[in-house]
Protein backbone atom coordinates (compact mmCIF):
# COMPACT_ATOMS: atom_id res chain seq x y z
CA UNK A 1 0.00 0.00 0.00
CA UNK A 2 1.12 3.54 -0.73
CA UNK A 3 -0.56 6.92 -0.74
CA UNK A 4 -0.04 10.66 -0.94
CA UNK A 5 -1.89 13.88 -0.09
CA UNK A 6 -2.63 16.26 -2.94
CA UNK A 7 -4.74 19.09 -4.27
CA UNK A 8 -7.20 18.97 -7.16
CA UNK A 9 -6.23 21.61 -9.72
CA UNK A 10 -8.98 21.02 -12.27
CA UNK A 11 -9.83 18.97 -15.34
CA UNK A 12 -8.54 18.86 -18.89
CA UNK A 13 -8.02 16.26 -21.62
CA UNK A 14 -5.06 14.52 -23.17
CA UNK A 15 -4.73 12.70 -26.48
CA UNK A 16 -3.46 9.15 -26.57
CA UNK A 17 -1.19 7.72 -29.28
CA UNK A 18 -4.19 6.55 -31.30
CA UNK A 19 -5.77 10.02 -31.19
CA UNK A 20 -8.37 9.20 -28.54
CA UNK A 21 -9.27 12.14 -26.29
CA UNK A 22 -9.23 11.14 -22.60
CA UNK A 23 -10.69 13.37 -19.84
CA UNK A 24 -8.30 13.65 -16.90
CA UNK A 25 -8.16 15.35 -13.52
CA UNK A 26 -4.96 17.24 -12.71
CA UNK A 27 -3.77 16.59 -9.15
CA UNK A 28 -0.85 18.30 -7.43
CA UNK A 29 0.39 15.28 -5.46
CA UNK A 30 2.84 16.34 -2.78
CA UNK A 31 5.51 16.88 -1.90
CA UNK A 32 4.63 15.41 1.49
CA UNK A 33 6.84 14.94 4.53
CA UNK A 34 6.79 11.90 6.80
CA UNK A 35 5.92 13.17 10.28
CA UNK A 36 5.54 9.84 12.05
CA UNK A 37 5.97 6.12 11.40
CA UNK A 38 3.63 3.81 13.29
CA UNK A 39 4.52 0.17 13.89
CA UNK A 40 2.63 -2.77 15.33
CA UNK A 41 4.89 -2.85 18.39
CA UNK A 42 4.36 0.81 19.35
CA UNK A 43 0.86 1.63 18.03
CA UNK A 44 -0.82 -1.70 17.32
CA UNK A 45 -0.90 -1.20 13.54
CA UNK A 46 1.41 -0.16 10.72
CA UNK A 47 0.96 3.24 9.09
CA UNK A 48 2.85 6.32 7.95
CA UNK A 49 1.72 9.85 8.80
CA UNK A 50 2.22 12.54 6.15
CA UNK A 51 2.06 16.34 6.23
CA UNK A 52 1.17 18.50 3.24
CA UNK A 53 0.72 22.17 2.42
CA UNK A 54 1.84 25.45 3.91
CA UNK A 55 0.77 25.76 7.54
CA UNK A 56 -1.32 28.58 8.96
CA UNK A 57 -0.02 29.69 12.33
CA UNK A 58 -3.45 30.71 13.67
CA UNK A 59 -5.12 27.40 12.75
CA UNK A 60 -2.41 25.23 14.32
CA UNK A 61 -3.39 23.71 17.67
CA UNK A 62 -0.78 23.10 20.35
CA UNK A 63 -1.06 19.27 20.26
CA UNK A 64 -0.53 19.21 16.48
CA UNK A 65 2.27 21.73 16.76
CA UNK A 66 3.87 19.49 19.37
CA UNK A 67 3.82 16.54 16.96
CA UNK A 68 5.76 18.51 14.37
CA UNK A 69 8.19 19.76 17.00
CA UNK A 70 8.81 16.22 18.25
CA UNK A 71 9.45 15.02 14.70
CA UNK A 72 11.69 18.05 14.02
CA UNK A 73 9.65 18.76 10.87
CA UNK A 74 8.39 22.10 9.64
CA UNK A 75 4.62 22.36 10.37
CA UNK A 76 2.23 21.53 7.54
CA UNK A 77 -1.37 22.54 6.99
CA UNK A 78 -2.79 19.03 6.50
CA UNK A 79 -1.92 15.73 8.18
CA UNK A 80 -3.19 12.27 7.23
CA UNK A 81 -1.96 8.74 7.68
CA UNK A 82 -1.91 5.78 5.31
CA UNK A 83 -1.79 2.10 6.19
CA UNK A 84 1.36 0.44 4.85
CA UNK A 85 2.94 -3.00 4.80
CA UNK A 86 6.61 -2.07 5.27
CA UNK A 87 7.07 0.73 7.83
CA UNK A 88 10.80 0.05 7.86
CA UNK A 89 11.15 1.66 4.42
CA UNK A 90 10.04 5.06 5.78
CA UNK A 91 11.74 7.44 8.18
CA UNK A 92 10.69 10.70 9.79
CA UNK A 93 11.56 13.70 7.64
CA UNK A 94 11.54 11.74 4.38
CA UNK A 95 9.91 13.49 1.42
CA UNK A 96 7.23 11.70 -0.60
CA UNK A 97 6.62 12.95 -4.14
CA UNK A 98 4.29 12.09 -7.00
CA UNK A 99 6.83 9.77 -8.60
CA UNK A 100 5.83 6.97 -6.20
CA UNK A 101 3.11 6.28 -8.78
CA UNK A 102 3.59 5.20 -12.39
CA UNK A 103 1.51 5.62 -15.50
CA UNK A 104 -0.90 2.73 -15.86
CA UNK A 105 -1.36 2.15 -12.12
CA UNK A 106 -4.83 2.01 -10.60
CA UNK A 107 -5.60 4.33 -7.67
CA UNK A 108 -8.44 5.27 -5.33
CA UNK A 109 -9.03 9.02 -4.94
CA UNK A 110 -10.80 10.43 -1.88
CA UNK A 111 -12.18 13.96 -1.82
CA UNK A 112 -14.87 16.04 -0.14
CA UNK A 113 -17.90 16.78 -2.31
CA UNK A 114 -19.19 20.31 -2.80
CA UNK A 115 -21.59 21.42 -0.08
CA UNK A 116 -25.02 22.36 -1.46
CA UNK A 117 -26.69 23.29 1.81
CA UNK A 118 -30.30 22.36 2.61
CA UNK A 119 -32.04 21.02 -0.50
CA UNK A 120 -35.38 19.44 -1.31
CA UNK A 121 -36.21 16.01 -2.66
CA UNK A 122 -36.01 16.95 -6.32
CA UNK A 123 -32.44 18.25 -6.23
CA UNK A 124 -31.17 16.02 -3.43
CA UNK A 125 -32.59 12.69 -4.61
CA UNK A 126 -33.60 13.35 -8.22
CA UNK A 127 -37.31 12.80 -7.64
CA UNK A 128 -39.97 14.08 -10.04
CA UNK A 129 -42.05 17.18 -9.47
CA UNK A 130 -45.83 17.40 -9.53
CA UNK A 131 -48.04 18.16 -12.54
CA UNK A 132 -47.82 21.73 -13.80
CA UNK A 133 -51.58 21.95 -14.33
CA UNK A 134 -54.21 24.38 -13.17
CA UNK A 135 -55.25 23.78 -9.59
CA UNK A 136 -52.30 21.60 -8.61
CA UNK A 137 -50.55 22.81 -5.47
CA UNK A 138 -48.04 19.95 -5.12
CA UNK A 139 -45.22 20.99 -7.41
CA UNK A 140 -42.04 20.36 -5.38
CA UNK A 141 -43.31 18.95 -2.09
CA UNK A 142 -42.29 15.40 -1.02
CA UNK A 143 -45.87 14.12 -0.91
CA UNK A 144 -46.95 11.23 1.29
CA UNK A 145 -44.11 9.85 3.44
CA UNK A 146 -45.94 7.09 5.32
CA UNK A 147 -49.20 5.60 6.53
CA UNK A 148 -51.48 6.94 9.28
CA UNK A 149 -52.63 3.97 11.34
CA UNK A 150 -50.05 1.34 10.45
CA UNK A 151 -47.18 1.66 11.20
CA UNK A 152 -48.05 5.22 12.37
CA UNK A 153 -44.50 6.42 11.85
CA UNK A 154 -42.04 7.33 9.12
CA UNK A 155 -39.79 4.46 8.06
CA UNK A 156 -36.09 4.94 8.74
CA UNK A 157 -34.14 5.76 5.59
CA UNK A 158 -36.98 7.60 3.85
CA UNK A 159 -35.63 10.06 1.28
CA UNK A 160 -36.47 13.51 2.61
CA UNK A 161 -35.13 17.06 2.29
CA UNK A 162 -31.90 17.79 4.12
CA UNK A 163 -28.28 18.78 3.80
CA UNK A 164 -26.70 17.84 0.50
CA UNK A 165 -23.01 17.36 -0.28
CA UNK A 166 -20.05 18.21 1.92
CA UNK A 167 -19.24 14.54 2.48
CA UNK A 168 -16.17 12.40 2.09
CA UNK A 169 -16.42 10.49 -1.20
CA UNK A 170 -14.03 7.89 -2.64
CA UNK A 171 -13.86 7.02 -6.34
CA UNK A 172 -12.17 3.66 -6.84
CA UNK A 173 -10.09 2.09 -9.60
CA UNK A 174 -9.08 5.19 -11.56
CA UNK A 175 -6.11 4.75 -13.88
CA UNK A 176 -3.08 7.05 -13.79
CA UNK A 177 -2.55 8.44 -17.29
CA UNK A 178 0.62 10.46 -16.75
CA UNK A 179 3.08 11.34 -13.97
CA UNK A 180 5.25 14.48 -13.89
CA UNK A 181 7.81 13.90 -11.14
CA UNK A 182 9.46 17.31 -11.45
CA UNK A 183 6.23 19.28 -10.97
CA UNK A 184 4.55 16.66 -8.72
CA UNK A 185 1.58 16.36 -11.07
CA UNK A 186 -0.67 13.33 -11.54
CA UNK A 187 -3.11 13.01 -14.42
CA UNK A 188 -5.91 10.65 -13.36
CA UNK A 189 -8.49 9.48 -15.84
CA UNK A 190 -12.01 10.66 -15.08
CA UNK A 191 -13.46 12.99 -12.45
CA UNK A 192 -12.74 13.05 -8.73
CA UNK A 193 -14.90 14.54 -5.94
CA UNK A 194 -14.55 18.11 -4.73
CA UNK A 195 -14.00 21.60 -6.04
CA UNK A 196 -10.84 22.97 -7.62
CA UNK A 197 -8.03 23.48 -5.08
CA UNK A 198 -9.76 20.97 -2.82
CA UNK A 199 -7.83 18.42 -0.79
CA UNK A 200 -7.64 14.84 -2.11
CA UNK A 201 -6.04 11.60 -0.95
CA UNK A 202 -4.56 9.29 -3.57
CA UNK A 203 -3.98 5.64 -2.64
CA UNK A 204 -2.99 2.59 -4.58
CA UNK A 205 -6.19 0.65 -5.07
CA UNK A 206 -6.76 -2.58 -3.18
CA UNK A 207 -9.88 -3.55 -5.13
CA UNK A 208 -9.33 -6.27 -7.69
CA UNK A 209 -10.54 -5.77 -11.22
CA UNK A 210 -10.02 -3.58 -14.25
CA UNK A 211 -9.92 0.23 -14.01
CA UNK A 212 -13.36 1.83 -13.75
CA UNK A 213 -12.62 4.16 -16.67
C-alpha atoms as a PDB file:
ATOM      1  CA  UNK A   1       0.000   0.000   0.000  1.00  0.00           C
ATOM      2  CA  UNK A   2       1.119   3.544  -0.728  1.00  0.00           C
ATOM      3  CA  UNK A   3      -0.560   6.924  -0.744  1.00  0.00           C
ATOM      4  CA  UNK A   4      -0.044  10.661  -0.940  1.00  0.00           C
ATOM      5  CA  UNK A   5      -1.885  13.882  -0.092  1.00  0.00           C
ATOM      6  CA  UNK A   6      -2.634  16.261  -2.940  1.00  0.00           C
ATOM      7  CA  UNK A   7      -4.741  19.088  -4.274  1.00  0.00           C
ATOM      8  CA  UNK A   8      -7.204  18.965  -7.160  1.00  0.00           C
ATOM      9  CA  UNK A   9      -6.230  21.612  -9.718  1.00  0.00           C
ATOM     10  CA  UNK A  10      -8.980  21.025 -12.271  1.00  0.00           C
ATOM     11  CA  UNK A  11      -9.832  18.966 -15.344  1.00  0.00           C
ATOM     12  CA  UNK A  12      -8.544  18.856 -18.892  1.00  0.00           C
ATOM     13  CA  UNK A  13      -8.024  16.256 -21.622  1.00  0.00           C
ATOM     14  CA  UNK A  14      -5.064  14.515 -23.171  1.00  0.00           C
ATOM     15  CA  UNK A  15      -4.735  12.702 -26.476  1.00  0.00           C
ATOM     16  CA  UNK A  16      -3.456   9.151 -26.573  1.00  0.00           C
ATOM     17  CA  UNK A  17      -1.186   7.724 -29.277  1.00  0.00           C
ATOM     18  CA  UNK A  18      -4.190   6.546 -31.301  1.00  0.00           C
ATOM     19  CA  UNK A  19      -5.767  10.024 -31.186  1.00  0.00           C
ATOM     20  CA  UNK A  20      -8.367   9.202 -28.540  1.00  0.00           C
ATOM     21  CA  UNK A  21      -9.272  12.142 -26.288  1.00  0.00           C
ATOM     22  CA  UNK A  22      -9.231  11.137 -22.603  1.00  0.00           C
ATOM     23  CA  UNK A  23     -10.693  13.370 -19.836  1.00  0.00           C
ATOM     24  CA  UNK A  24      -8.303  13.646 -16.899  1.00  0.00           C
ATOM     25  CA  UNK A  25      -8.163  15.346 -13.515  1.00  0.00           C
ATOM     26  CA  UNK A  26      -4.965  17.239 -12.711  1.00  0.00           C
ATOM     27  CA  UNK A  27      -3.774  16.590  -9.152  1.00  0.00           C
ATOM     28  CA  UNK A  28      -0.855  18.297  -7.432  1.00  0.00           C
ATOM     29  CA  UNK A  29       0.387  15.282  -5.458  1.00  0.00           C
ATOM     30  CA  UNK A  30       2.836  16.342  -2.777  1.00  0.00           C
ATOM     31  CA  UNK A  31       5.514  16.884  -1.900  1.00  0.00           C
ATOM     32  CA  UNK A  32       4.628  15.414   1.486  1.00  0.00           C
ATOM     33  CA  UNK A  33       6.842  14.939   4.528  1.00  0.00           C
ATOM     34  CA  UNK A  34       6.787  11.899   6.803  1.00  0.00           C
ATOM     35  CA  UNK A  35       5.919  13.174  10.276  1.00  0.00           C
ATOM     36  CA  UNK A  36       5.539   9.835  12.054  1.00  0.00           C
ATOM     37  CA  UNK A  37       5.971   6.122  11.397  1.00  0.00           C
ATOM     38  CA  UNK A  38       3.634   3.811  13.294  1.00  0.00           C
ATOM     39  CA  UNK A  39       4.524   0.167  13.890  1.00  0.00           C
ATOM     40  CA  UNK A  40       2.634  -2.773  15.331  1.00  0.00           C
ATOM     41  CA  UNK A  41       4.891  -2.849  18.387  1.00  0.00           C
ATOM     42  CA  UNK A  42       4.361   0.808  19.353  1.00  0.00           C
ATOM     43  CA  UNK A  43       0.861   1.630  18.035  1.00  0.00           C
ATOM     44  CA  UNK A  44      -0.819  -1.701  17.316  1.00  0.00           C
ATOM     45  CA  UNK A  45      -0.898  -1.199  13.541  1.00  0.00           C
ATOM     46  CA  UNK A  46       1.415  -0.157  10.725  1.00  0.00           C
ATOM     47  CA  UNK A  47       0.955   3.244   9.095  1.00  0.00           C
ATOM     48  CA  UNK A  48       2.846   6.318   7.948  1.00  0.00           C
ATOM     49  CA  UNK A  49       1.724   9.849   8.802  1.00  0.00           C
ATOM     50  CA  UNK A  50       2.222  12.536   6.155  1.00  0.00           C
ATOM     51  CA  UNK A  51       2.065  16.340   6.229  1.00  0.00           C
ATOM     52  CA  UNK A  52       1.170  18.497   3.236  1.00  0.00           C
ATOM     53  CA  UNK A  53       0.720  22.175   2.416  1.00  0.00           C
ATOM     54  CA  UNK A  54       1.835  25.452   3.910  1.00  0.00           C
ATOM     55  CA  UNK A  55       0.771  25.761   7.538  1.00  0.00           C
ATOM     56  CA  UNK A  56      -1.315  28.580   8.956  1.00  0.00           C
ATOM     57  CA  UNK A  57      -0.023  29.690  12.335  1.00  0.00           C
ATOM     58  CA  UNK A  58      -3.455  30.715  13.671  1.00  0.00           C
ATOM     59  CA  UNK A  59      -5.120  27.399  12.747  1.00  0.00           C
ATOM     60  CA  UNK A  60      -2.409  25.231  14.324  1.00  0.00           C
ATOM     61  CA  UNK A  61      -3.386  23.710  17.671  1.00  0.00           C
ATOM     62  CA  UNK A  62      -0.778  23.103  20.351  1.00  0.00           C
ATOM     63  CA  UNK A  63      -1.061  19.273  20.261  1.00  0.00           C
ATOM     64  CA  UNK A  64      -0.531  19.214  16.482  1.00  0.00           C
ATOM     65  CA  UNK A  65       2.274  21.732  16.758  1.00  0.00           C
ATOM     66  CA  UNK A  66       3.874  19.489  19.365  1.00  0.00           C
ATOM     67  CA  UNK A  67       3.821  16.535  16.965  1.00  0.00           C
ATOM     68  CA  UNK A  68       5.757  18.509  14.372  1.00  0.00           C
ATOM     69  CA  UNK A  69       8.192  19.764  17.001  1.00  0.00           C
ATOM     70  CA  UNK A  70       8.806  16.225  18.253  1.00  0.00           C
ATOM     71  CA  UNK A  71       9.451  15.016  14.701  1.00  0.00           C
ATOM     72  CA  UNK A  72      11.686  18.045  14.023  1.00  0.00           C
ATOM     73  CA  UNK A  73       9.650  18.755  10.873  1.00  0.00           C
ATOM     74  CA  UNK A  74       8.395  22.104   9.637  1.00  0.00           C
ATOM     75  CA  UNK A  75       4.622  22.356  10.372  1.00  0.00           C
ATOM     76  CA  UNK A  76       2.226  21.526   7.542  1.00  0.00           C
ATOM     77  CA  UNK A  77      -1.370  22.536   6.989  1.00  0.00           C
ATOM     78  CA  UNK A  78      -2.792  19.025   6.502  1.00  0.00           C
ATOM     79  CA  UNK A  79      -1.918  15.734   8.178  1.00  0.00           C
ATOM     80  CA  UNK A  80      -3.194  12.267   7.233  1.00  0.00           C
ATOM     81  CA  UNK A  81      -1.960   8.738   7.681  1.00  0.00           C
ATOM     82  CA  UNK A  82      -1.910   5.783   5.309  1.00  0.00           C
ATOM     83  CA  UNK A  83      -1.794   2.100   6.192  1.00  0.00           C
ATOM     84  CA  UNK A  84       1.364   0.443   4.853  1.00  0.00           C
ATOM     85  CA  UNK A  85       2.941  -3.000   4.796  1.00  0.00           C
ATOM     86  CA  UNK A  86       6.613  -2.072   5.269  1.00  0.00           C
ATOM     87  CA  UNK A  87       7.074   0.728   7.826  1.00  0.00           C
ATOM     88  CA  UNK A  88      10.802   0.054   7.857  1.00  0.00           C
ATOM     89  CA  UNK A  89      11.151   1.656   4.419  1.00  0.00           C
ATOM     90  CA  UNK A  90      10.041   5.057   5.779  1.00  0.00           C
ATOM     91  CA  UNK A  91      11.737   7.435   8.183  1.00  0.00           C
ATOM     92  CA  UNK A  92      10.691  10.705   9.791  1.00  0.00           C
ATOM     93  CA  UNK A  93      11.562  13.703   7.640  1.00  0.00           C
ATOM     94  CA  UNK A  94      11.535  11.737   4.383  1.00  0.00           C
ATOM     95  CA  UNK A  95       9.909  13.490   1.422  1.00  0.00           C
ATOM     96  CA  UNK A  96       7.232  11.696  -0.599  1.00  0.00           C
ATOM     97  CA  UNK A  97       6.619  12.950  -4.142  1.00  0.00           C
ATOM     98  CA  UNK A  98       4.287  12.089  -6.997  1.00  0.00           C
ATOM     99  CA  UNK A  99       6.829   9.768  -8.599  1.00  0.00           C
ATOM    100  CA  UNK A 100       5.835   6.970  -6.204  1.00  0.00           C
ATOM    101  CA  UNK A 101       3.109   6.276  -8.779  1.00  0.00           C
ATOM    102  CA  UNK A 102       3.594   5.201 -12.389  1.00  0.00           C
ATOM    103  CA  UNK A 103       1.506   5.623 -15.504  1.00  0.00           C
ATOM    104  CA  UNK A 104      -0.903   2.731 -15.864  1.00  0.00           C
ATOM    105  CA  UNK A 105      -1.357   2.146 -12.123  1.00  0.00           C
ATOM    106  CA  UNK A 106      -4.830   2.013 -10.601  1.00  0.00           C
ATOM    107  CA  UNK A 107      -5.599   4.330  -7.672  1.00  0.00           C
ATOM    108  CA  UNK A 108      -8.438   5.275  -5.330  1.00  0.00           C
ATOM    109  CA  UNK A 109      -9.025   9.018  -4.939  1.00  0.00           C
ATOM    110  CA  UNK A 110     -10.797  10.425  -1.884  1.00  0.00           C
ATOM    111  CA  UNK A 111     -12.178  13.959  -1.817  1.00  0.00           C
ATOM    112  CA  UNK A 112     -14.871  16.045  -0.144  1.00  0.00           C
ATOM    113  CA  UNK A 113     -17.897  16.780  -2.312  1.00  0.00           C
ATOM    114  CA  UNK A 114     -19.193  20.308  -2.800  1.00  0.00           C
ATOM    115  CA  UNK A 115     -21.587  21.419  -0.076  1.00  0.00           C
ATOM    116  CA  UNK A 116     -25.022  22.358  -1.457  1.00  0.00           C
ATOM    117  CA  UNK A 117     -26.692  23.293   1.811  1.00  0.00           C
ATOM    118  CA  UNK A 118     -30.303  22.364   2.610  1.00  0.00           C
ATOM    119  CA  UNK A 119     -32.043  21.020  -0.501  1.00  0.00           C
ATOM    120  CA  UNK A 120     -35.382  19.445  -1.309  1.00  0.00           C
ATOM    121  CA  UNK A 121     -36.207  16.010  -2.658  1.00  0.00           C
ATOM    122  CA  UNK A 122     -36.010  16.952  -6.317  1.00  0.00           C
ATOM    123  CA  UNK A 123     -32.440  18.247  -6.234  1.00  0.00           C
ATOM    124  CA  UNK A 124     -31.165  16.019  -3.434  1.00  0.00           C
ATOM    125  CA  UNK A 125     -32.589  12.694  -4.608  1.00  0.00           C
ATOM    126  CA  UNK A 126     -33.602  13.352  -8.223  1.00  0.00           C
ATOM    127  CA  UNK A 127     -37.307  12.805  -7.644  1.00  0.00           C
ATOM    128  CA  UNK A 128     -39.967  14.080 -10.039  1.00  0.00           C
ATOM    129  CA  UNK A 129     -42.055  17.183  -9.472  1.00  0.00           C
ATOM    130  CA  UNK A 130     -45.825  17.401  -9.534  1.00  0.00           C
ATOM    131  CA  UNK A 131     -48.042  18.155 -12.542  1.00  0.00           C
ATOM    132  CA  UNK A 132     -47.824  21.735 -13.803  1.00  0.00           C
ATOM    133  CA  UNK A 133     -51.579  21.947 -14.332  1.00  0.00           C
ATOM    134  CA  UNK A 134     -54.212  24.384 -13.173  1.00  0.00           C
ATOM    135  CA  UNK A 135     -55.249  23.785  -9.593  1.00  0.00           C
ATOM    136  CA  UNK A 136     -52.296  21.597  -8.614  1.00  0.00           C
ATOM    137  CA  UNK A 137     -50.555  22.807  -5.467  1.00  0.00           C
ATOM    138  CA  UNK A 138     -48.042  19.947  -5.120  1.00  0.00           C
ATOM    139  CA  UNK A 139     -45.223  20.994  -7.407  1.00  0.00           C
ATOM    140  CA  UNK A 140     -42.038  20.363  -5.382  1.00  0.00           C
ATOM    141  CA  UNK A 141     -43.306  18.946  -2.094  1.00  0.00           C
ATOM    142  CA  UNK A 142     -42.292  15.398  -1.021  1.00  0.00           C
ATOM    143  CA  UNK A 143     -45.874  14.119  -0.909  1.00  0.00           C
ATOM    144  CA  UNK A 144     -46.954  11.229   1.287  1.00  0.00           C
ATOM    145  CA  UNK A 145     -44.111   9.847   3.440  1.00  0.00           C
ATOM    146  CA  UNK A 146     -45.942   7.093   5.318  1.00  0.00           C
ATOM    147  CA  UNK A 147     -49.200   5.598   6.535  1.00  0.00           C
ATOM    148  CA  UNK A 148     -51.477   6.940   9.280  1.00  0.00           C
ATOM    149  CA  UNK A 149     -52.631   3.966  11.340  1.00  0.00           C
ATOM    150  CA  UNK A 150     -50.045   1.340  10.451  1.00  0.00           C
ATOM    151  CA  UNK A 151     -47.176   1.665  11.199  1.00  0.00           C
ATOM    152  CA  UNK A 152     -48.051   5.215  12.373  1.00  0.00           C
ATOM    153  CA  UNK A 153     -44.504   6.424  11.849  1.00  0.00           C
ATOM    154  CA  UNK A 154     -42.043   7.329   9.121  1.00  0.00           C
ATOM    155  CA  UNK A 155     -39.788   4.464   8.062  1.00  0.00           C
ATOM    156  CA  UNK A 156     -36.094   4.936   8.738  1.00  0.00           C
ATOM    157  CA  UNK A 157     -34.145   5.757   5.594  1.00  0.00           C
ATOM    158  CA  UNK A 158     -36.984   7.595   3.848  1.00  0.00           C
ATOM    159  CA  UNK A 159     -35.625  10.062   1.284  1.00  0.00           C
ATOM    160  CA  UNK A 160     -36.466  13.512   2.611  1.00  0.00           C
ATOM    161  CA  UNK A 161     -35.135  17.063   2.287  1.00  0.00           C
ATOM    162  CA  UNK A 162     -31.898  17.792   4.116  1.00  0.00           C
ATOM    163  CA  UNK A 163     -28.276  18.782   3.805  1.00  0.00           C
ATOM    164  CA  UNK A 164     -26.698  17.839   0.496  1.00  0.00           C
ATOM    165  CA  UNK A 165     -23.013  17.362  -0.283  1.00  0.00           C
ATOM    166  CA  UNK A 166     -20.045  18.208   1.917  1.00  0.00           C
ATOM    167  CA  UNK A 167     -19.242  14.539   2.479  1.00  0.00           C
ATOM    168  CA  UNK A 168     -16.171  12.404   2.088  1.00  0.00           C
ATOM    169  CA  UNK A 169     -16.420  10.485  -1.199  1.00  0.00           C
ATOM    170  CA  UNK A 170     -14.034   7.892  -2.640  1.00  0.00           C
ATOM    171  CA  UNK A 171     -13.862   7.019  -6.338  1.00  0.00           C
ATOM    172  CA  UNK A 172     -12.170   3.664  -6.841  1.00  0.00           C
ATOM    173  CA  UNK A 173     -10.092   2.088  -9.597  1.00  0.00           C
ATOM    174  CA  UNK A 174      -9.077   5.188 -11.562  1.00  0.00           C
ATOM    175  CA  UNK A 175      -6.106   4.754 -13.880  1.00  0.00           C
ATOM    176  CA  UNK A 176      -3.077   7.050 -13.790  1.00  0.00           C
ATOM    177  CA  UNK A 177      -2.553   8.442 -17.295  1.00  0.00           C
ATOM    178  CA  UNK A 178       0.623  10.460 -16.754  1.00  0.00           C
ATOM    179  CA  UNK A 179       3.079  11.341 -13.970  1.00  0.00           C
ATOM    180  CA  UNK A 180       5.255  14.479 -13.889  1.00  0.00           C
ATOM    181  CA  UNK A 181       7.806  13.902 -11.136  1.00  0.00           C
ATOM    182  CA  UNK A 182       9.462  17.308 -11.453  1.00  0.00           C
ATOM    183  CA  UNK A 183       6.226  19.278 -10.968  1.00  0.00           C
ATOM    184  CA  UNK A 184       4.551  16.662  -8.716  1.00  0.00           C
ATOM    185  CA  UNK A 185       1.585  16.356 -11.065  1.00  0.00           C
ATOM    186  CA  UNK A 186      -0.670  13.333 -11.540  1.00  0.00           C
ATOM    187  CA  UNK A 187      -3.114  13.012 -14.419  1.00  0.00           C
ATOM    188  CA  UNK A 188      -5.905  10.651 -13.358  1.00  0.00           C
ATOM    189  CA  UNK A 189      -8.487   9.475 -15.838  1.00  0.00           C
ATOM    190  CA  UNK A 190     -12.013  10.658 -15.080  1.00  0.00           C
ATOM    191  CA  UNK A 191     -13.456  12.986 -12.447  1.00  0.00           C
ATOM    192  CA  UNK A 192     -12.738  13.047  -8.729  1.00  0.00           C
ATOM    193  CA  UNK A 193     -14.901  14.544  -5.944  1.00  0.00           C
ATOM    194  CA  UNK A 194     -14.552  18.106  -4.733  1.00  0.00           C
ATOM    195  CA  UNK A 195     -14.005  21.601  -6.045  1.00  0.00           C
ATOM    196  CA  UNK A 196     -10.835  22.971  -7.624  1.00  0.00           C
ATOM    197  CA  UNK A 197      -8.033  23.483  -5.079  1.00  0.00           C
ATOM    198  CA  UNK A 198      -9.762  20.971  -2.823  1.00  0.00           C
ATOM    199  CA  UNK A 199      -7.832  18.418  -0.788  1.00  0.00           C
ATOM    200  CA  UNK A 200      -7.636  14.843  -2.109  1.00  0.00           C
ATOM    201  CA  UNK A 201      -6.041  11.605  -0.947  1.00  0.00           C
ATOM    202  CA  UNK A 202      -4.562   9.289  -3.566  1.00  0.00           C
ATOM    203  CA  UNK A 203      -3.985   5.643  -2.644  1.00  0.00           C
ATOM    204  CA  UNK A 204      -2.985   2.592  -4.583  1.00  0.00           C
ATOM    205  CA  UNK A 205      -6.193   0.650  -5.065  1.00  0.00           C
ATOM    206  CA  UNK A 206      -6.756  -2.581  -3.178  1.00  0.00           C
ATOM    207  CA  UNK A 207      -9.882  -3.553  -5.125  1.00  0.00           C
ATOM    208  CA  UNK A 208      -9.335  -6.266  -7.690  1.00  0.00           C
ATOM    209  CA  UNK A 209     -10.540  -5.774 -11.223  1.00  0.00           C
ATOM    210  CA  UNK A 210     -10.022  -3.582 -14.255  1.00  0.00           C
ATOM    211  CA  UNK A 211      -9.923   0.234 -14.010  1.00  0.00           C
ATOM    212  CA  UNK A 212     -13.360   1.830 -13.750  1.00  0.00           C
ATOM    213  CA  UNK A 213     -12.616   4.163 -16.670  1.00  0.00           C
END
